[in-house]
Amino acid sequence: MLINSLFFHAFESICSSKTPKIMLSNESLSAPTSSTTCFENGSYTVEKKSVPKSSSSDTPNPPLYIVYPIEKGTYPVILFLHGFSIPNTSYSSLFEFIASHGYIIVAPGQTLFGLLKGLFVASAVGDVDDVALTSNWINKNQGENLQRELPSDVSPDLENVALAGHSKGGKAAFALALGHANTSLKFKALIGLDPVEGPNTSNRIEPKILNYIPQNFNISLPIALIGTGLGDDGFRGFFPPAAPWGCNHPFFFNECKPPVCYFVAKDYGHMDMVNDWLAWLSGMFVSKTGKGSYADMRRACGGIFVAFLKTYMFDDAEDLSTIVGSPSFVAPVKLNPVLWLQS
């Protein structure tokens, strides 16, 4: 297993409580000279809708969950893939935060058959094929399908589309970017929210995408990774880790080529960015959760989405530079490590 040197620094700061914590953001002890509003609610009013499948519709992966600004305009799109057996609506608070900054979020759903299949078939191949179908649905006739589900004066900007996902959905997003399914939609950026390769290193689910070789991913997109510090902890000795070591975010980072950003919410767990009720339920019965505010975790994740996409969609790096330069001054949660490899 080959690991790059920055990975070792990241490993040390994430997993060792007995060694000095290393901040790789070149953070100074003084306050930043510029501020950022990306961790606050945006200025747009948002609405949300679920799009079911009907006899007259070719809607893939129903029900699609769409969150969008209602003000007249053309907005970039984020195609977001839910985690293992997590309802797409369980991310509504996170989606609404991001959409308030001027983004349209499209989140594929999961049928009962898909849920049952996911429980009994240890594979993400179907997930990747499904997201390819949704991508093609979005891109069909220059966005005609998605436009039909939006107000007439709100339009998707198909020149600026990001692919993102959480947990197993994060793995599926990487797999699609690596070409494990075909799509006509062109992506501008890739974001992994605590992605997971499988239940353990000896049982990684198909398609296997980690090879444990530094900068091995053949992905030309800018990438952001948001990891959790508690995701690889088991739950009270009863449940295995939700994001087990060897299959989790440091190993995805290890294989990313620049440009790549890497943030770890050190004191939070794998499910702490979903809606409060599910984060609480998961913390009670399934996965280790942090002691901080779930709302702060969502603001941290949403703000990173916004700052990263402003940089690589619109050439505006001010917010991202501020976060990387002074995370403890501006971020609502502790981020350590913080990395931005630009070349």
C-alpha atoms as a PDB file:
ATOM      1  CA  MET A   1       0.000   0.000   0.000  1.00  0.00           C
ATOM      2  CA  LEU A   2       1.589   3.259  -1.153  1.00  0.00           C
ATOM      3  CA  ILE A   3       0.706   6.467   0.664  1.00  0.00           C
ATOM      4  CA  ASN A   4       1.820  10.009  -0.077  1.00  0.00           C
ATOM      5  CA  SER A   5       3.497  12.100   2.622  1.00  0.00           C
ATOM      6  CA  LEU A   6       0.581  14.515   3.070  1.00  0.00           C
ATOM      7  CA  PHE A   7      -1.593  11.511   3.823  1.00  0.00           C
ATOM      8  CA  PHE A   8       0.611  10.652   6.783  1.00  0.00           C
ATOM      9  CA  HIS A   9       0.161  14.163   8.176  1.00  0.00           C
ATOM     10  CA  ALA A  10      -3.583  13.860   7.703  1.00  0.00           C
ATOM     11  CA  PHE A  11      -3.605  10.445   9.356  1.00  0.00           C
ATOM     12  CA  GLU A  12      -1.678  11.752  12.344  1.00  0.00           C
ATOM     13  CA  SER A  13      -3.967  14.694  12.968  1.00  0.00           C
ATOM     14  CA  ILE A  14      -7.146  12.679  12.516  1.00  0.00           C
ATOM     15  CA  CYS A  15      -6.403   9.523  14.390  1.00  0.00           C
ATOM     16  CA  SER A  16      -3.791  10.137  17.072  1.00  0.00           C
ATOM     17  CA  SER A  17      -4.813  11.847  20.273  1.00  0.00           C
ATOM     18  CA  LYS A  18      -1.305  11.507  21.700  1.00  0.00           C
ATOM     19  CA  THR A  19       0.639  13.465  19.093  1.00  0.00           C
ATOM     20  CA  PRO A  20       0.617  17.185  18.329  1.00  0.00           C
ATOM     21  CA  LYS A  21      -2.119  18.127  15.910  1.00  0.00           C
ATOM     22  CA  ILE A  22      -0.786  19.351  12.593  1.00  0.00           C
ATOM     23  CA  MET A  23      -2.646  22.062  10.724  1.00  0.00           C
ATOM     24  CA  LEU A  24      -1.641  22.010   7.083  1.00  0.00           C
ATOM     25  CA  SER A  25      -3.472  25.211   6.231  1.00  0.00           C
ATOM     26  CA  ASN A  26      -0.573  27.552   7.075  1.00  0.00           C
ATOM     27  CA  GLU A  27      -2.891  29.096   9.632  1.00  0.00           C
ATOM     28  CA  SER A  28      -1.536  32.072  11.527  1.00  0.00           C
ATOM     29  CA  LEU A  29      -2.420  32.998  15.099  1.00  0.00           C
ATOM     30  CA  SER A  30      -3.963  36.274  13.979  1.00  0.00           C
ATOM     31  CA  ALA A  31      -7.450  36.806  12.611  1.00  0.00           C
ATOM     32  CA  PRO A  32      -7.846  36.598   8.820  1.00  0.00           C
ATOM     33  CA  THR A  33      -7.642  39.799   6.822  1.00  0.00           C
ATOM     34  CA  SER A  34     -10.783  38.850   4.876  1.00  0.00           C
ATOM     35  CA  SER A  35     -14.052  37.292   6.027  1.00  0.00           C
ATOM     36  CA  THR A  36     -16.479  34.865   4.434  1.00  0.00           C
ATOM     37  CA  THR A  37     -20.269  34.586   4.436  1.00  0.00           C
ATOM     38  CA  CYS A  38     -20.356  31.090   2.969  1.00  0.00           C
ATOM     39  CA  PHE A  39     -21.103  29.581   6.402  1.00  0.00           C
ATOM     40  CA  GLU A  40     -24.177  31.778   6.818  1.00  0.00           C
ATOM     41  CA  ASN A  41     -27.530  31.382   5.091  1.00  0.00           C
ATOM     42  CA  GLY A  42     -27.506  32.779   1.577  1.00  0.00           C
ATOM     43  CA  SER A  43     -29.710  35.529   0.221  1.00  0.00           C
ATOM     44  CA  TYR A  44     -31.980  33.373  -1.952  1.00  0.00           C
ATOM     45  CA  THR A  45     -35.395  32.056  -0.957  1.00  0.00           C
ATOM     46  CA  VAL A  46     -35.668  28.349  -1.711  1.00  0.00           C
ATOM     47  CA  GLU A  47     -38.371  25.815  -2.389  1.00  0.00           C
ATOM     48  CA  LYS A  48     -38.287  22.042  -2.651  1.00  0.00           C
ATOM     49  CA  LYS A  49     -40.283  19.378  -4.435  1.00  0.00           C
ATOM     50  CA  SER A  50     -40.363  15.643  -4.949  1.00  0.00           C
ATOM     51  CA  VAL A  51     -40.868  14.357  -8.467  1.00  0.00           C
ATOM     52  CA  PRO A  52     -42.546  10.930  -8.512  1.00  0.00           C
ATOM     53  CA  LYS A  53     -42.529   8.567 -11.422  1.00  0.00           C
ATOM     54  CA  SER A  54     -45.781   8.426 -13.365  1.00  0.00           C
ATOM     55  CA  SER A  55     -47.039   6.605 -16.408  1.00  0.00           C
ATOM     56  CA  SER A  56     -46.380   9.714 -18.509  1.00  0.00           C
ATOM     57  CA  SER A  57     -42.932  10.465 -17.102  1.00  0.00           C
ATOM     58  CA  ASP A  58     -39.453   9.090 -17.713  1.00  0.00           C
ATOM     59  CA  THR A  59     -38.216  10.395 -14.365  1.00  0.00           C
ATOM     60  CA  PRO A  60     -35.350   8.133 -13.233  1.00  0.00           C
ATOM     61  CA  ASN A  61     -34.755   6.980  -9.655  1.00  0.00           C
ATOM     62  CA  PRO A  62     -37.991   8.392  -8.262  1.00  0.00           C
ATOM     63  CA  PRO A  63     -38.805  10.289  -6.304  1.00  0.00           C
ATOM     64  CA  LEU A  64     -36.278  12.880  -7.387  1.00  0.00           C
ATOM     65  CA  TYR A  65     -35.843  15.537  -4.734  1.00  0.00           C
ATOM     66  CA  ILE A  66     -35.136  19.018  -6.093  1.00  0.00           C
ATOM     67  CA  VAL A  67     -34.264  22.109  -4.040  1.00  0.00           C
ATOM     68  CA  TYR A  68     -33.898  25.429  -5.848  1.00  0.00           C
ATOM     69  CA  PRO A  69     -33.946  29.234  -5.502  1.00  0.00           C
ATOM     70  CA  ILE A  70     -37.214  30.847  -6.522  1.00  0.00           C
ATOM     71  CA  GLU A  71     -35.761  34.162  -7.688  1.00  0.00           C
ATOM     72  CA  LYS A  72     -35.504  34.603 -11.453  1.00  0.00           C
ATOM     73  CA  GLY A  73     -32.156  33.463 -12.754  1.00  0.00           C
ATOM     74  CA  THR A  74     -29.923  30.726 -14.108  1.00  0.00           C
ATOM     75  CA  TYR A  75     -28.220  28.622 -11.430  1.00  0.00           C
ATOM     76  CA  PRO A  76     -25.513  25.968 -11.309  1.00  0.00           C
ATOM     77  CA  VAL A  77     -26.624  22.421 -10.534  1.00  0.00           C
ATOM     78  CA  ILE A  78     -25.438  19.902  -7.948  1.00  0.00           C
ATOM     79  CA  LEU A  79     -26.323  16.261  -8.547  1.00  0.00           C
ATOM     80  CA  PHE A  80     -26.190  14.743  -5.049  1.00  0.00           C
ATOM     81  CA  LEU A  81     -26.225  11.000  -4.288  1.00  0.00           C
ATOM     82  CA  HIS A  82     -27.577   9.816  -0.939  1.00  0.00           C
ATOM     83  CA  GLY A  83     -25.811   7.372   1.352  1.00  0.00           C
ATOM     84  CA  PHE A  84     -26.681   3.731   1.919  1.00  0.00           C
ATOM     85  CA  SER A  85     -30.442   3.430   2.535  1.00  0.00           C
ATOM     86  CA  ILE A  86     -30.681   7.106   3.540  1.00  0.00           C
ATOM     87  CA  PRO A  87     -33.775   8.881   2.144  1.00  0.00           C
ATOM     88  CA  ASN A  88     -32.804  11.747  -0.159  1.00  0.00           C
ATOM     89  CA  THR A  89     -35.135  14.064   1.765  1.00  0.00           C
ATOM     90  CA  SER A  90     -33.057  13.468   4.907  1.00  0.00           C
ATOM     91  CA  TYR A  91     -30.548  15.963   3.546  1.00  0.00           C
ATOM     92  CA  SER A  92     -33.157  18.699   3.098  1.00  0.00           C
ATOM     93  CA  SER A  93     -31.638  21.083   5.669  1.00  0.00           C
ATOM     94  CA  LEU A  94     -28.205  20.815   4.050  1.00  0.00           C
ATOM     95  CA  PHE A  95     -29.709  21.216   0.571  1.00  0.00           C
ATOM     96  CA  GLU A  96     -31.718  24.275   1.573  1.00  0.00           C
ATOM     97  CA  PHE A  97     -28.608  25.916   2.991  1.00  0.00           C
ATOM     98  CA  ILE A  98     -26.632  25.338  -0.218  1.00  0.00           C
ATOM     99  CA  ALA A  99     -29.540  26.357  -2.461  1.00  0.00           C
ATOM    100  CA  SER A 100     -29.856  29.642  -0.546  1.00  0.00           C
ATOM    101  CA  HIS A 101     -26.468  30.555  -2.024  1.00  0.00           C
ATOM    102  CA  GLY A 102     -27.786  30.138  -5.564  1.00  0.00           C
ATOM    103  CA  TYR A 103     -27.625  26.443  -6.491  1.00  0.00           C
ATOM    104  CA  ILE A 104     -30.130  23.883  -7.760  1.00  0.00           C
ATOM    105  CA  ILE A 105     -29.772  20.504  -6.034  1.00  0.00           C
ATOM    106  CA  VAL A 106     -31.069  17.350  -7.678  1.00  0.00           C
ATOM    107  CA  ALA A 107     -31.022  14.252  -5.465  1.00  0.00           C
ATOM    108  CA  PRO A 108     -32.049  10.879  -6.934  1.00  0.00           C
ATOM    109  CA  GLY A 109     -34.366   8.827  -4.763  1.00  0.00           C
ATOM    110  CA  GLN A 110     -34.719   5.166  -3.962  1.00  0.00           C
ATOM    111  CA  THR A 111     -37.654   2.847  -4.558  1.00  0.00           C
ATOM    112  CA  LEU A 112     -38.600   0.142  -2.070  1.00  0.00           C
ATOM    113  CA  PHE A 113     -37.134  -2.410  -4.478  1.00  0.00           C
ATOM    114  CA  GLY A 114     -33.912  -0.414  -4.617  1.00  0.00           C
ATOM    115  CA  LEU A 115     -33.780  -0.253  -0.829  1.00  0.00           C
ATOM    116  CA  LEU A 116     -34.284  -4.007  -0.441  1.00  0.00           C
ATOM    117  CA  LYS A 117     -31.770  -4.725  -3.189  1.00  0.00           C
ATOM    118  CA  GLY A 118     -29.227  -2.507  -1.456  1.00  0.00           C
ATOM    119  CA  LEU A 119     -29.714  -4.400   1.809  1.00  0.00           C
ATOM    120  CA  PHE A 120     -29.107  -7.817   0.256  1.00  0.00           C
ATOM    121  CA  VAL A 121     -26.764  -7.137  -2.682  1.00  0.00           C
ATOM    122  CA  ALA A 122     -23.343  -5.850  -1.658  1.00  0.00           C
ATOM    123  CA  SER A 123     -22.674  -3.751  -4.738  1.00  0.00           C
ATOM    124  CA  ALA A 124     -22.752  -0.149  -5.901  1.00  0.00           C
ATOM    125  CA  VAL A 125     -22.848  -1.006  -9.603  1.00  0.00           C
ATOM    126  CA  GLY A 126     -26.594  -0.387  -9.735  1.00  0.00           C
ATOM    127  CA  ASP A 127     -26.156   2.920  -7.906  1.00  0.00           C
ATOM    128  CA  VAL A 128     -23.644   4.091 -10.501  1.00  0.00           C
ATOM    129  CA  ASP A 129     -25.896   3.039 -13.374  1.00  0.00           C
ATOM    130  CA  ASP A 130     -28.828   4.812 -11.739  1.00  0.00           C
ATOM    131  CA  VAL A 131     -26.965   8.101 -11.324  1.00  0.00           C
ATOM    132  CA  ALA A 132     -25.874   7.890 -14.957  1.00  0.00           C
ATOM    133  CA  LEU A 133     -29.559   7.660 -15.892  1.00  0.00           C
ATOM    134  CA  THR A 134     -30.334  10.714 -13.781  1.00  0.00           C
ATOM    135  CA  SER A 135     -27.417  12.600 -15.334  1.00  0.00           C
ATOM    136  CA  ASN A 136     -28.686  11.854 -18.814  1.00  0.00           C
ATOM    137  CA  TRP A 137     -32.215  12.837 -17.768  1.00  0.00           C
ATOM    138  CA  ILE A 138     -30.903  16.216 -16.611  1.00  0.00           C
ATOM    139  CA  ASN A 139     -28.950  16.735 -19.822  1.00  0.00           C
ATOM    140  CA  LYS A 140     -31.675  15.593 -22.233  1.00  0.00           C
ATOM    141  CA  ASN A 141     -32.626  18.255 -24.789  1.00  0.00           C
ATOM    142  CA  GLN A 142     -30.406  20.856 -23.110  1.00  0.00           C
ATOM    143  CA  GLY A 143     -32.014  20.514 -19.706  1.00  0.00           C
ATOM    144  CA  GLU A 144     -35.630  20.251 -20.830  1.00  0.00           C
ATOM    145  CA  ASN A 145     -36.563  17.629 -18.208  1.00  0.00           C
ATOM    146  CA  LEU A 146     -35.176  19.548 -15.261  1.00  0.00           C
ATOM    147  CA  GLN A 147     -36.528  22.843 -16.553  1.00  0.00           C
ATOM    148  CA  ARG A 148     -40.010  21.322 -16.609  1.00  0.00           C
ATOM    149  CA  GLU A 149     -39.789  20.761 -12.837  1.00  0.00           C
ATOM    150  CA  LEU A 150     -38.653  24.318 -12.068  1.00  0.00           C
ATOM    151  CA  PRO A 151     -40.449  27.680 -12.185  1.00  0.00           C
ATOM    152  CA  SER A 152     -40.490  29.111 -15.702  1.00  0.00           C
ATOM    153  CA  ASP A 153     -38.050  31.895 -14.797  1.00  0.00           C
ATOM    154  CA  VAL A 154     -35.581  29.607 -12.969  1.00  0.00           C
ATOM    155  CA  SER A 155     -33.172  27.773 -15.264  1.00  0.00           C
ATOM    156  CA  PRO A 156     -30.390  25.211 -14.739  1.00  0.00           C
ATOM    157  CA  ASP A 157     -26.893  26.174 -15.887  1.00  0.00           C
ATOM    158  CA  LEU A 158     -25.692  22.952 -17.498  1.00  0.00           C
ATOM    159  CA  GLU A 159     -22.266  24.470 -18.105  1.00  0.00           C
ATOM    160  CA  ASN A 160     -21.758  24.391 -14.331  1.00  0.00           C
ATOM    161  CA  VAL A 161     -22.785  21.038 -12.865  1.00  0.00           C
ATOM    162  CA  ALA A 162     -21.151  19.414  -9.856  1.00  0.00           C
ATOM    163  CA  LEU A 163     -21.340  15.747  -8.896  1.00  0.00           C
ATOM    164  CA  ALA A 164     -21.481  14.999  -5.167  1.00  0.00           C
ATOM    165  CA  GLY A 165     -22.430  12.244  -2.772  1.00  0.00           C
ATOM    166  CA  HIS A 166     -22.371  11.076   0.828  1.00  0.00           C
ATOM    167  CA  SER A 167     -21.134   7.716   2.125  1.00  0.00           C
ATOM    168  CA  LYS A 168     -21.926   4.995  -0.443  1.00  0.00           C
ATOM    169  CA  GLY A 169     -23.240   7.807  -2.659  1.00  0.00           C
ATOM    170  CA  GLY A 170     -19.817   9.430  -2.429  1.00  0.00           C
ATOM    171  CA  LYS A 171     -18.249   6.237  -3.727  1.00  0.00           C
ATOM    172  CA  ALA A 172     -20.830   6.113  -6.535  1.00  0.00           C
ATOM    173  CA  ALA A 173     -20.011   9.721  -7.468  1.00  0.00           C
ATOM    174  CA  PHE A 174     -16.312   8.867  -7.742  1.00  0.00           C
ATOM    175  CA  ALA A 175     -17.138   5.731  -9.729  1.00  0.00           C
ATOM    176  CA  LEU A 176     -19.175   7.729 -12.243  1.00  0.00           C
ATOM    177  CA  ALA A 177     -16.364  10.279 -12.551  1.00  0.00           C
ATOM    178  CA  LEU A 178     -13.980   7.377 -13.187  1.00  0.00           C
ATOM    179  CA  GLY A 179     -16.124   6.178 -16.093  1.00  0.00           C
ATOM    180  CA  HIS A 180     -17.845   3.145 -14.572  1.00  0.00           C
ATOM    181  CA  ALA A 181     -21.027   4.233 -16.361  1.00  0.00           C
ATOM    182  CA  ASN A 182     -21.638   6.452 -19.366  1.00  0.00           C
ATOM    183  CA  THR A 183     -23.272   9.863 -19.191  1.00  0.00           C
ATOM    184  CA  SER A 184     -23.659  12.721 -21.635  1.00  0.00           C
ATOM    185  CA  LEU A 185     -23.634  15.298 -18.824  1.00  0.00           C
ATOM    186  CA  LYS A 186     -20.322  17.081 -18.301  1.00  0.00           C
ATOM    187  CA  PHE A 187     -19.331  17.801 -14.729  1.00  0.00           C
ATOM    188  CA  LYS A 188     -17.327  20.781 -13.542  1.00  0.00           C
ATOM    189  CA  ALA A 189     -16.379  19.492 -10.068  1.00  0.00           C
ATOM    190  CA  LEU A 190     -16.615  16.460  -7.767  1.00  0.00           C
ATOM    191  CA  ILE A 191     -17.373  16.525  -4.018  1.00  0.00           C
ATOM    192  CA  GLY A 192     -17.166  13.537  -1.688  1.00  0.00           C
ATOM    193  CA  LEU A 193     -18.929  13.900   1.660  1.00  0.00           C
ATOM    194  CA  ASP A 194     -17.376  11.222   3.896  1.00  0.00           C
ATOM    195  CA  PRO A 195     -17.265   8.693   1.024  1.00  0.00           C
ATOM    196  CA  VAL A 196     -17.048   4.974   1.859  1.00  0.00           C
ATOM    197  CA  GLU A 197     -15.594   2.220  -0.322  1.00  0.00           C
ATOM    198  CA  GLY A 198     -17.156  -0.685   1.569  1.00  0.00           C
ATOM    199  CA  PRO A 199     -17.619  -2.352   4.963  1.00  0.00           C
ATOM    200  CA  ASN A 200     -13.898  -3.229   5.300  1.00  0.00           C
ATOM    201  CA  THR A 201     -10.744  -3.491   3.188  1.00  0.00           C
ATOM    202  CA  SER A 202     -11.261  -7.204   2.530  1.00  0.00           C
ATOM    203  CA  ASN A 203     -14.882  -6.701   1.518  1.00  0.00           C
ATOM    204  CA  ARG A 204     -14.896  -3.630  -0.704  1.00  0.00           C
ATOM    205  CA  ILE A 205     -18.024  -3.500  -2.832  1.00  0.00           C
ATOM    206  CA  GLU A 206     -18.064  -3.329  -6.621  1.00  0.00           C
ATOM    207  CA  PRO A 207     -17.011  -1.338  -8.466  1.00  0.00           C
ATOM    208  CA  LYS A 208     -13.784  -1.250  -6.475  1.00  0.00           C
ATOM    209  CA  ILE A 209     -12.202   2.164  -7.010  1.00  0.00           C
ATOM    210  CA  LEU A 210      -9.489   2.402  -4.351  1.00  0.00           C
ATOM    211  CA  ASN A 211      -6.114   0.960  -5.354  1.00  0.00           C
ATOM    212  CA  TYR A 212      -4.067   2.454  -2.497  1.00  0.00           C
ATOM    213  CA  ILE A 213      -1.703   4.163  -4.909  1.00  0.00           C
ATOM    214  CA  PRO A 214      -1.050   7.909  -4.472  1.00  0.00           C
ATOM    215  CA  GLN A 215      -2.797  10.137  -7.011  1.00  0.00           C
ATOM    216  CA  ASN A 216      -4.062   7.111  -8.908  1.00  0.00           C
ATOM    217  CA  PHE A 217      -7.548   8.379  -9.756  1.00  0.00           C
ATOM    218  CA  ASN A 218      -7.869   9.189 -13.446  1.00  0.00           C
ATOM    219  CA  ILE A 219     -10.176  12.126 -12.767  1.00  0.00           C
ATOM    220  CA  SER A 220      -9.549  15.498 -14.390  1.00  0.00           C
ATOM    221  CA  LEU A 221     -12.084  17.350 -12.246  1.00  0.00           C
ATOM    222  CA  PRO A 222     -11.239  19.497  -9.215  1.00  0.00           C
ATOM    223  CA  ILE A 223     -12.188  17.490  -6.125  1.00  0.00           C
ATOM    224  CA  ALA A 224     -13.252  18.395  -2.610  1.00  0.00           C
ATOM    225  CA  LEU A 225     -13.321  15.827   0.174  1.00  0.00           C
ATOM    226  CA  ILE A 226     -15.095  16.417   3.478  1.00  0.00           C
ATOM    227  CA  GLY A 227     -14.381  13.745   6.056  1.00  0.00           C
ATOM    228  CA  THR A 228     -15.418  13.109   9.639  1.00  0.00           C
ATOM    229  CA  GLY A 229     -13.111  12.367  12.545  1.00  0.00           C
ATOM    230  CA  LEU A 230     -15.493   9.903  14.221  1.00  0.00           C
ATOM    231  CA  GLY A 231     -16.742   8.062  11.145  1.00  0.00           C
ATOM    232  CA  ASP A 232     -14.275   5.202  11.552  1.00  0.00           C
ATOM    233  CA  ASP A 233     -15.234   4.559  15.194  1.00  0.00           C
ATOM    234  CA  GLY A 234     -17.522   1.638  15.929  1.00  0.00           C
ATOM    235  CA  PHE A 235     -20.729   2.124  17.894  1.00  0.00           C
ATOM    236  CA  ARG A 236     -20.582   0.883  21.499  1.00  0.00           C
ATOM    237  CA  GLY A 237     -18.997  -2.372  20.373  1.00  0.00           C
ATOM    238  CA  PHE A 238     -22.191  -3.501  18.674  1.00  0.00           C
ATOM    239  CA  PHE A 239     -22.017  -1.965  15.211  1.00  0.00           C
ATOM    240  CA  PRO A 240     -18.985  -1.715  12.946  1.00  0.00           C
ATOM    241  CA  PRO A 241     -17.811   1.746  11.860  1.00  0.00           C
ATOM    242  CA  ALA A 242     -19.998   3.498   9.308  1.00  0.00           C
ATOM    243  CA  ALA A 243     -16.885   4.699   7.474  1.00  0.00           C
ATOM    244  CA  PRO A 244     -14.228   2.084   8.316  1.00  0.00           C
ATOM    245  CA  TRP A 245     -10.526   2.789   8.229  1.00  0.00           C
ATOM    246  CA  GLY A 246      -9.001   1.759   4.899  1.00  0.00           C
ATOM    247  CA  CYS A 247     -12.263   2.498   3.085  1.00  0.00           C
ATOM    248  CA  ASN A 248     -12.783   6.104   4.178  1.00  0.00           C
ATOM    249  CA  HIS A 249     -11.900   9.665   3.290  1.00  0.00           C
ATOM    250  CA  PRO A 250      -8.079   9.690   3.828  1.00  0.00           C
ATOM    251  CA  PHE A 251      -7.737   6.879   1.323  1.00  0.00           C
ATOM    252  CA  PHE A 252      -9.859   8.725  -1.240  1.00  0.00           C
ATOM    253  CA  PHE A 253      -7.696  11.810  -0.686  1.00  0.00           C
ATOM    254  CA  ASN A 254      -4.569   9.704  -1.157  1.00  0.00           C
ATOM    255  CA  GLU A 255      -5.638   8.806  -4.703  1.00  0.00           C
ATOM    256  CA  CYS A 256      -6.802  12.279  -5.810  1.00  0.00           C
ATOM    257  CA  LYS A 257      -4.725  14.350  -8.166  1.00  0.00           C
ATOM    258  CA  PRO A 258      -4.581  18.139  -7.733  1.00  0.00           C
ATOM    259  CA  PRO A 259      -6.523  20.283  -7.631  1.00  0.00           C
ATOM    260  CA  VAL A 260      -8.025  18.773  -4.504  1.00  0.00           C
ATOM    261  CA  CYS A 261      -9.287  20.224  -1.228  1.00  0.00           C
ATOM    262  CA  TYR A 262      -9.495  18.133   1.931  1.00  0.00           C
ATOM    263  CA  PHE A 263     -11.317  19.035   5.137  1.00  0.00           C
ATOM    264  CA  VAL A 264     -12.013  16.879   8.178  1.00  0.00           C
ATOM    265  CA  ALA A 265     -14.670  17.783  10.740  1.00  0.00           C
ATOM    266  CA  LYS A 266     -12.637  16.238  13.499  1.00  0.00           C
ATOM    267  CA  ASP A 267     -15.263  16.060  16.241  1.00  0.00           C
ATOM    268  CA  TYR A 268     -18.233  14.843  14.174  1.00  0.00           C
ATOM    269  CA  GLY A 269     -19.560  11.522  12.968  1.00  0.00           C
ATOM    270  CA  HIS A 270     -20.556  10.025   9.656  1.00  0.00           C
ATOM    271  CA  MET A 271     -24.248  10.944   9.860  1.00  0.00           C
ATOM    272  CA  ASP A 272     -24.010  14.325  11.573  1.00  0.00           C
ATOM    273  CA  MET A 273     -24.802  16.369   8.458  1.00  0.00           C
ATOM    274  CA  VAL A 274     -28.218  14.825   7.751  1.00  0.00           C
ATOM    275  CA  ASN A 275     -31.437  16.210   9.240  1.00  0.00           C
ATOM    276  CA  ASP A 276     -31.555  16.345  13.033  1.00  0.00           C
ATOM    277  CA  TRP A 277     -34.003  13.477  13.546  1.00  0.00           C
ATOM    278  CA  LEU A 278     -31.910  10.987  11.551  1.00  0.00           C
ATOM    279  CA  ALA A 279     -28.588  12.222  12.927  1.00  0.00           C
ATOM    280  CA  TRP A 280     -29.989  11.757  16.445  1.00  0.00           C
ATOM    281  CA  LEU A 281     -31.462   8.336  15.651  1.00  0.00           C
ATOM    282  CA  SER A 282     -28.212   7.156  14.081  1.00  0.00           C
ATOM    283  CA  GLY A 283     -26.280   8.430  17.063  1.00  0.00           C
ATOM    284  CA  MET A 284     -28.550   6.531  19.432  1.00  0.00           C
ATOM    285  CA  PHE A 285     -28.494   3.190  17.665  1.00  0.00           C
ATOM    286  CA  VAL A 286     -26.058   2.904  14.740  1.00  0.00           C
ATOM    287  CA  SER A 287     -23.037   5.198  14.463  1.00  0.00           C
ATOM    288  CA  LYS A 288     -20.919   7.369  16.687  1.00  0.00           C
ATOM    289  CA  THR A 289     -21.974  10.987  16.685  1.00  0.00           C
ATOM    290  CA  GLY A 290     -20.295  14.196  17.768  1.00  0.00           C
ATOM    291  CA  LYS A 291     -21.291  16.316  20.737  1.00  0.00           C
ATOM    292  CA  GLY A 292     -21.559  19.547  18.774  1.00  0.00           C
ATOM    293  CA  SER A 293     -24.493  21.069  16.932  1.00  0.00           C
ATOM    294  CA  TYR A 294     -25.772  19.202  13.888  1.00  0.00           C
ATOM    295  CA  ALA A 295     -26.752  22.588  12.420  1.00  0.00           C
ATOM    296  CA  ASP A 296     -23.119  23.745  12.726  1.00  0.00           C
ATOM    297  CA  MET A 297     -21.950  20.601  10.937  1.00  0.00           C
ATOM    298  CA  ARG A 298     -24.392  21.237   8.102  1.00  0.00           C
ATOM    299  CA  ARG A 299     -23.239  24.864   7.866  1.00  0.00           C
ATOM    300  CA  ALA A 300     -19.636  23.687   7.721  1.00  0.00           C
ATOM    301  CA  CYS A 301     -20.335  21.171   4.948  1.00  0.00           C
ATOM    302  CA  GLY A 302     -22.602  23.552   3.036  1.00  0.00           C
ATOM    303  CA  GLY A 303     -20.131  26.414   3.318  1.00  0.00           C
ATOM    304  CA  ILE A 304     -17.326  24.251   1.959  1.00  0.00           C
ATOM    305  CA  PHE A 305     -19.553  23.233  -0.968  1.00  0.00           C
ATOM    306  CA  VAL A 306     -20.237  26.905  -1.717  1.00  0.00           C
ATOM    307  CA  ALA A 307     -16.644  28.125  -1.365  1.00  0.00           C
ATOM    308  CA  PHE A 308     -15.228  25.248  -3.412  1.00  0.00           C
ATOM    309  CA  LEU A 309     -17.757  25.630  -6.233  1.00  0.00           C
ATOM    310  CA  LYS A 310     -17.292  29.413  -6.362  1.00  0.00           C
ATOM    311  CA  THR A 311     -13.594  28.732  -6.909  1.00  0.00           C
ATOM    312  CA  TYR A 312     -13.880  26.142  -9.647  1.00  0.00           C
ATOM    313  CA  MET A 313     -17.068  27.249 -11.354  1.00  0.00           C
ATOM    314  CA  PHE A 314     -16.653  31.021 -11.195  1.00  0.00           C
ATOM    315  CA  ASP A 315     -12.928  31.636 -10.571  1.00  0.00           C
ATOM    316  CA  ASP A 316     -13.648  33.299  -7.231  1.00  0.00           C
ATOM    317  CA  ALA A 317     -11.277  31.784  -4.669  1.00  0.00           C
ATOM    318  CA  GLU A 318     -11.627  34.391  -1.919  1.00  0.00           C
ATOM    319  CA  ASP A 319     -13.875  32.319   0.366  1.00  0.00           C
ATOM    320  CA  LEU A 320     -11.925  29.100  -0.133  1.00  0.00           C
ATOM    321  CA  SER A 321      -8.630  30.879   0.504  1.00  0.00           C
ATOM    322  CA  THR A 322     -10.035  32.359   3.711  1.00  0.00           C
ATOM    323  CA  ILE A 323     -11.245  28.970   4.966  1.00  0.00           C
ATOM    324  CA  VAL A 324      -7.965  27.234   4.169  1.00  0.00           C
ATOM    325  CA  GLY A 325      -5.924  30.078   5.607  1.00  0.00           C
ATOM    326  CA  SER A 326      -7.855  30.515   8.860  1.00  0.00           C
ATOM    327  CA  PRO A 327     -10.262  27.621   9.473  1.00  0.00           C
ATOM    328  CA  SER A 328     -10.451  28.055  13.240  1.00  0.00           C
ATOM    329  CA  PHE A 329     -11.468  31.705  12.831  1.00  0.00           C
ATOM    330  CA  VAL A 330     -14.178  31.284  10.218  1.00  0.00           C
ATOM    331  CA  ALA A 331     -15.538  27.706  10.239  1.00  0.00           C
ATOM    332  CA  PRO A 332     -18.421  26.777  12.577  1.00  0.00           C
ATOM    333  CA  VAL A 333     -16.733  23.458  13.507  1.00  0.00           C
ATOM    334  CA  LYS A 334     -13.161  22.371  14.071  1.00  0.00           C
ATOM    335  CA  LEU A 335     -11.562  21.430  10.762  1.00  0.00           C
ATOM    336  CA  ASN A 336      -8.285  19.515  11.021  1.00  0.00           C
ATOM    337  CA  PRO A 337      -6.566  18.769   8.706  1.00  0.00           C
ATOM    338  CA  VAL A 338      -7.278  21.359   6.039  1.00  0.00           C
ATOM    339  CA  LEU A 339      -5.485  20.929   2.724  1.00  0.00           C
ATOM    340  CA  TRP A 340      -5.675  22.553  -0.672  1.00  0.00           C
ATOM    341  CA  LEU A 341      -3.398  21.076  -3.298  1.00  0.00           C
ATOM    342  CA  GLN A 342      -3.639  23.354  -6.300  1.00  0.00           C
ATOM    343  CA  SER A 343      -1.042  21.735  -8.543  1.00  0.00           C
END
